[in-house]
């Protein structure tokens, strides 16, 4: 179970740095840049820890899937990106894939 906890942490940091890259100040302010880079490092560190007990393919797919879904959600809610039926259906497919990998 610890591996899955690490994977969720890795995914949260993945979302954090992706959203941070969208923010206009990430390269303009050193402190903000440091947070984005720290999120990248933490994401990789926790992904590596998760892979000690979760198969590589499963861990990587779940990590990127959660990161993708989270980044899209933040894009919709924070930045007013479109939430079309097709985009939401594609996100649902990603979520189905994540659940399927967790159950397999």
N, C-alpha and C. Protein backbone atom coordinates (compact mmCIF):
# COMPACT_ATOMS: atom_id res chain seq x y z
N UNK A 1 0.82 -1.20 0.00
CA UNK A 1 0.00 0.00 0.00
C UNK A 1 0.86 1.26 0.00
N UNK A 2 2.04 1.18 0.59
CA UNK A 2 2.93 2.33 0.63
C UNK A 2 3.30 2.78 -0.79
N UNK A 3 3.50 1.83 -1.68
CA UNK A 3 3.83 2.17 -3.06
C UNK A 3 2.76 3.03 -3.71
N UNK A 4 1.51 2.70 -3.45
CA UNK A 4 0.41 3.48 -4.01
C UNK A 4 0.34 4.86 -3.38
N UNK A 5 0.66 4.96 -2.11
CA UNK A 5 0.71 6.27 -1.46
C UNK A 5 1.80 7.12 -2.10
N UNK A 6 2.98 6.54 -2.31
CA UNK A 6 4.06 7.26 -2.98
C UNK A 6 3.65 7.68 -4.39
N UNK A 7 2.93 6.80 -5.06
CA UNK A 7 2.50 7.12 -6.42
C UNK A 7 1.50 8.28 -6.43
N UNK A 8 0.62 8.33 -5.46
CA UNK A 8 -0.31 9.46 -5.36
C UNK A 8 0.43 10.76 -5.06
N UNK A 9 1.44 10.70 -4.18
CA UNK A 9 2.25 11.88 -3.92
C UNK A 9 2.99 12.33 -5.18
N UNK A 10 3.57 11.37 -5.89
CA UNK A 10 4.27 11.69 -7.13
C UNK A 10 3.33 12.36 -8.12
N UNK A 11 2.12 11.85 -8.20
CA UNK A 11 1.13 12.41 -9.12
C UNK A 11 0.72 13.82 -8.72
N UNK A 12 0.57 14.05 -7.42
CA UNK A 12 0.22 15.40 -6.95
C UNK A 12 1.31 16.39 -7.30
N UNK A 13 2.56 16.00 -7.11
CA UNK A 13 3.66 16.89 -7.49
C UNK A 13 3.74 17.06 -9.01
N UNK A 14 3.37 16.03 -9.74
CA UNK A 14 3.32 16.12 -11.20
C UNK A 14 2.31 17.19 -11.63
N UNK A 15 1.15 17.16 -11.02
CA UNK A 15 0.13 18.17 -11.31
C UNK A 15 0.66 19.55 -10.92
N UNK A 16 1.30 19.62 -9.77
CA UNK A 16 1.81 20.90 -9.27
C UNK A 16 2.80 21.55 -10.21
N UNK A 17 3.75 20.77 -10.73
CA UNK A 17 4.71 21.42 -11.62
C UNK A 17 4.12 21.72 -12.99
N UNK A 18 3.17 20.91 -13.43
CA UNK A 18 2.53 21.21 -14.71
C UNK A 18 1.74 22.51 -14.62
N UNK A 19 1.00 22.68 -13.54
CA UNK A 19 0.25 23.92 -13.34
C UNK A 19 1.22 25.08 -13.14
N UNK A 20 2.31 24.83 -12.42
CA UNK A 20 3.31 25.87 -12.21
C UNK A 20 3.93 26.37 -13.51
N UNK A 21 4.12 25.47 -14.46
CA UNK A 21 4.68 25.87 -15.76
C UNK A 21 3.73 26.79 -16.53
N UNK A 22 2.45 26.62 -16.31
CA UNK A 22 1.45 27.46 -16.98
C UNK A 22 1.46 28.88 -16.40
N UNK A 23 1.84 28.99 -15.14
CA UNK A 23 1.83 30.29 -14.47
C UNK A 23 2.88 31.20 -15.08
N UNK A 24 2.51 32.42 -15.37
CA UNK A 24 3.41 33.34 -16.08
C UNK A 24 4.63 33.74 -15.28
N UNK A 25 4.61 33.58 -13.97
CA UNK A 25 5.73 34.05 -13.14
C UNK A 25 6.79 32.98 -12.91
N UNK A 26 6.62 31.79 -13.46
CA UNK A 26 7.51 30.70 -13.07
C UNK A 26 8.96 30.94 -13.49
N UNK A 27 9.20 31.67 -14.55
CA UNK A 27 10.57 31.97 -14.94
C UNK A 27 11.00 33.37 -14.51
N UNK A 28 10.03 34.20 -14.17
CA UNK A 28 10.35 35.59 -13.83
C UNK A 28 10.79 35.75 -12.37
N UNK A 29 10.31 34.89 -11.50
CA UNK A 29 10.64 35.00 -10.08
C UNK A 29 11.38 33.75 -9.63
N UNK A 30 12.54 33.94 -9.06
CA UNK A 30 13.40 32.82 -8.67
C UNK A 30 12.72 31.89 -7.68
N UNK A 31 12.01 32.44 -6.71
CA UNK A 31 11.32 31.62 -5.71
C UNK A 31 10.28 30.71 -6.34
N UNK A 32 9.52 31.25 -7.27
CA UNK A 32 8.49 30.45 -7.94
C UNK A 32 9.14 29.38 -8.82
N UNK A 33 10.21 29.75 -9.50
CA UNK A 33 10.95 28.78 -10.31
C UNK A 33 11.47 27.64 -9.45
N UNK A 34 11.97 27.97 -8.27
CA UNK A 34 12.48 26.95 -7.35
C UNK A 34 11.36 26.00 -6.92
N UNK A 35 10.15 26.52 -6.71
CA UNK A 35 9.02 25.65 -6.36
C UNK A 35 8.65 24.69 -7.49
N UNK A 36 8.67 25.20 -8.71
CA UNK A 36 8.36 24.34 -9.86
C UNK A 36 9.42 23.24 -9.99
N UNK A 37 10.68 23.61 -9.90
CA UNK A 37 11.76 22.61 -10.01
C UNK A 37 11.70 21.63 -8.84
N UNK A 38 11.42 22.11 -7.63
CA UNK A 38 11.30 21.23 -6.47
C UNK A 38 10.14 20.25 -6.66
N UNK A 39 9.05 20.69 -7.26
CA UNK A 39 7.92 19.80 -7.54
C UNK A 39 8.32 18.72 -8.55
N UNK A 40 9.12 19.10 -9.54
CA UNK A 40 9.60 18.11 -10.52
C UNK A 40 10.46 17.05 -9.83
N UNK A 41 11.38 17.50 -9.00
CA UNK A 41 12.28 16.58 -8.29
C UNK A 41 11.48 15.67 -7.36
N UNK A 42 10.56 16.25 -6.60
CA UNK A 42 9.75 15.45 -5.67
C UNK A 42 8.90 14.44 -6.43
N UNK A 43 8.35 14.84 -7.56
CA UNK A 43 7.55 13.92 -8.36
C UNK A 43 8.37 12.71 -8.80
N UNK A 44 9.56 12.97 -9.29
CA UNK A 44 10.44 11.87 -9.73
C UNK A 44 10.88 11.00 -8.55
N UNK A 45 11.19 11.63 -7.44
CA UNK A 45 11.63 10.88 -6.26
C UNK A 45 10.53 9.92 -5.79
N UNK A 46 9.30 10.44 -5.65
CA UNK A 46 8.21 9.58 -5.19
C UNK A 46 7.82 8.53 -6.23
N UNK A 47 7.95 8.86 -7.51
CA UNK A 47 7.70 7.86 -8.55
C UNK A 47 8.71 6.72 -8.42
N UNK A 48 9.97 7.08 -8.20
CA UNK A 48 11.00 6.05 -8.02
C UNK A 48 10.71 5.16 -6.82
N UNK A 49 10.28 5.77 -5.73
CA UNK A 49 9.93 4.99 -4.53
C UNK A 49 8.73 4.08 -4.80
N UNK A 50 7.76 4.58 -5.54
CA UNK A 50 6.58 3.78 -5.85
C UNK A 50 6.94 2.57 -6.70
N UNK A 51 7.91 2.75 -7.60
CA UNK A 51 8.29 1.66 -8.50
C UNK A 51 9.02 0.53 -7.79
N UNK A 52 9.35 0.71 -6.55
CA UNK A 52 9.95 -0.39 -5.80
C UNK A 52 8.94 -1.52 -5.56
N UNK A 53 7.65 -1.17 -5.52
CA UNK A 53 6.65 -2.20 -5.24
C UNK A 53 5.54 -2.27 -6.29
N UNK A 54 5.52 -1.34 -7.23
CA UNK A 54 4.52 -1.34 -8.29
C UNK A 54 5.24 -1.55 -9.61
N UNK A 55 4.72 -2.41 -10.49
CA UNK A 55 5.38 -2.63 -11.77
C UNK A 55 5.60 -1.32 -12.54
N UNK A 56 6.71 -1.25 -13.24
CA UNK A 56 7.11 -0.06 -13.99
C UNK A 56 6.00 0.48 -14.88
N UNK A 57 5.46 -0.35 -15.73
CA UNK A 57 4.44 0.10 -16.67
C UNK A 57 3.19 0.62 -15.97
N UNK A 58 2.77 -0.06 -14.93
CA UNK A 58 1.60 0.38 -14.18
C UNK A 58 1.87 1.70 -13.49
N UNK A 59 3.00 1.79 -12.79
CA UNK A 59 3.32 3.02 -12.06
C UNK A 59 3.43 4.21 -13.00
N UNK A 60 4.12 4.03 -14.10
CA UNK A 60 4.31 5.14 -15.03
C UNK A 60 2.99 5.58 -15.66
N UNK A 61 2.18 4.61 -16.07
CA UNK A 61 0.90 4.93 -16.70
C UNK A 61 -0.04 5.63 -15.72
N UNK A 62 -0.09 5.15 -14.49
CA UNK A 62 -0.96 5.78 -13.49
C UNK A 62 -0.46 7.18 -13.17
N UNK A 63 0.86 7.33 -13.02
CA UNK A 63 1.47 8.64 -12.72
C UNK A 63 1.14 9.66 -13.80
N UNK A 64 1.36 9.28 -15.05
CA UNK A 64 1.07 10.22 -16.14
C UNK A 64 -0.42 10.44 -16.30
N UNK A 65 -1.21 9.40 -16.07
CA UNK A 65 -2.66 9.54 -16.20
C UNK A 65 -3.24 10.50 -15.17
N UNK A 66 -2.85 10.32 -13.91
CA UNK A 66 -3.33 11.22 -12.86
C UNK A 66 -2.82 12.63 -13.13
N UNK A 67 -1.57 12.74 -13.55
CA UNK A 67 -1.03 14.06 -13.88
C UNK A 67 -1.79 14.73 -15.00
N UNK A 68 -2.15 13.96 -16.02
CA UNK A 68 -2.90 14.49 -17.14
C UNK A 68 -4.29 14.95 -16.72
N UNK A 69 -4.99 14.09 -16.01
CA UNK A 69 -6.34 14.44 -15.56
C UNK A 69 -6.31 15.66 -14.65
N UNK A 70 -5.36 15.69 -13.73
CA UNK A 70 -5.24 16.84 -12.82
C UNK A 70 -4.90 18.12 -13.55
N UNK A 71 -3.98 18.04 -14.50
CA UNK A 71 -3.60 19.24 -15.26
C UNK A 71 -4.77 19.75 -16.09
N UNK A 72 -5.53 18.86 -16.69
CA UNK A 72 -6.70 19.28 -17.46
C UNK A 72 -7.73 19.92 -16.54
N UNK A 73 -7.96 19.31 -15.38
CA UNK A 73 -8.94 19.87 -14.43
C UNK A 73 -8.53 21.27 -13.98
N UNK A 74 -7.25 21.43 -13.62
CA UNK A 74 -6.78 22.75 -13.22
C UNK A 74 -6.87 23.75 -14.37
N UNK A 75 -6.57 23.29 -15.58
CA UNK A 75 -6.68 24.16 -16.75
C UNK A 75 -8.10 24.65 -16.95
N UNK A 76 -9.05 23.76 -16.75
CA UNK A 76 -10.46 24.12 -16.91
C UNK A 76 -10.88 25.11 -15.82
N UNK A 77 -10.55 24.78 -14.57
CA UNK A 77 -11.05 25.58 -13.45
C UNK A 77 -10.26 26.86 -13.19
N UNK A 78 -8.96 26.84 -13.43
CA UNK A 78 -8.14 28.02 -13.15
C UNK A 78 -7.95 28.93 -14.35
N UNK A 79 -7.83 28.33 -15.53
CA UNK A 79 -7.45 29.10 -16.70
C UNK A 79 -8.55 29.20 -17.75
N UNK A 80 -9.73 28.68 -17.44
CA UNK A 80 -10.84 28.81 -18.36
C UNK A 80 -10.68 28.04 -19.66
N UNK A 81 -9.90 26.98 -19.64
CA UNK A 81 -9.74 26.17 -20.84
C UNK A 81 -11.05 25.43 -21.13
N UNK A 82 -11.29 25.08 -22.39
CA UNK A 82 -12.58 24.49 -22.75
C UNK A 82 -12.82 23.13 -22.10
N UNK A 83 -14.08 22.92 -21.71
CA UNK A 83 -14.50 21.64 -21.14
C UNK A 83 -15.54 21.03 -22.07
N UNK A 84 -15.11 20.77 -23.29
CA UNK A 84 -16.04 20.21 -24.29
C UNK A 84 -16.36 18.76 -23.96
N UNK A 85 -17.44 18.29 -24.54
CA UNK A 85 -17.85 16.91 -24.32
C UNK A 85 -16.76 15.93 -24.76
N UNK A 86 -16.10 16.22 -25.87
CA UNK A 86 -15.05 15.33 -26.37
C UNK A 86 -13.86 15.30 -25.41
N UNK A 87 -13.44 16.46 -24.90
CA UNK A 87 -12.32 16.49 -23.94
C UNK A 87 -12.69 15.70 -22.68
N UNK A 88 -13.90 15.90 -22.17
CA UNK A 88 -14.32 15.19 -20.95
C UNK A 88 -14.43 13.69 -21.19
N UNK A 89 -14.89 13.30 -22.37
CA UNK A 89 -14.96 11.87 -22.70
C UNK A 89 -13.57 11.26 -22.75
N UNK A 90 -12.61 11.99 -23.30
CA UNK A 90 -11.23 11.49 -23.36
C UNK A 90 -10.64 11.37 -21.95
N UNK A 91 -10.94 12.32 -21.10
CA UNK A 91 -10.49 12.24 -19.70
C UNK A 91 -11.11 11.03 -19.03
N UNK A 92 -12.38 10.76 -19.30
CA UNK A 92 -13.04 9.58 -18.73
C UNK A 92 -12.33 8.30 -19.18
N UNK A 93 -11.88 8.26 -20.43
CA UNK A 93 -11.13 7.10 -20.91
C UNK A 93 -9.81 6.94 -20.16
N UNK A 94 -9.14 8.06 -19.89
CA UNK A 94 -7.89 7.99 -19.13
C UNK A 94 -8.16 7.46 -17.73
N UNK A 95 -9.20 7.97 -17.09
CA UNK A 95 -9.55 7.50 -15.74
C UNK A 95 -9.88 6.01 -15.77
N UNK A 96 -10.61 5.57 -16.78
CA UNK A 96 -10.92 4.14 -16.91
C UNK A 96 -9.64 3.31 -17.05
N UNK A 97 -8.69 3.81 -17.80
CA UNK A 97 -7.41 3.11 -17.95
C UNK A 97 -6.65 3.04 -16.65
N UNK A 98 -6.66 4.13 -15.87
CA UNK A 98 -5.98 4.14 -14.58
C UNK A 98 -6.61 3.11 -13.65
N UNK A 99 -7.94 3.11 -13.58
CA UNK A 99 -8.64 2.14 -12.73
C UNK A 99 -8.35 0.72 -13.19
N UNK A 100 -8.37 0.51 -14.50
CA UNK A 100 -8.07 -0.82 -15.03
C UNK A 100 -6.67 -1.29 -14.66
N UNK A 101 -5.69 -0.42 -14.74
CA UNK A 101 -4.32 -0.80 -14.37
C UNK A 101 -4.22 -1.08 -12.88
N UNK A 102 -4.94 -0.33 -12.07
CA UNK A 102 -4.91 -0.56 -10.62
C UNK A 102 -5.50 -1.93 -10.29
N UNK A 103 -6.54 -2.30 -11.00
CA UNK A 103 -7.23 -3.58 -10.74
C UNK A 103 -6.51 -4.77 -11.35
N UNK A 104 -5.69 -4.54 -12.37
CA UNK A 104 -5.04 -5.66 -13.08
C UNK A 104 -3.86 -6.20 -12.30
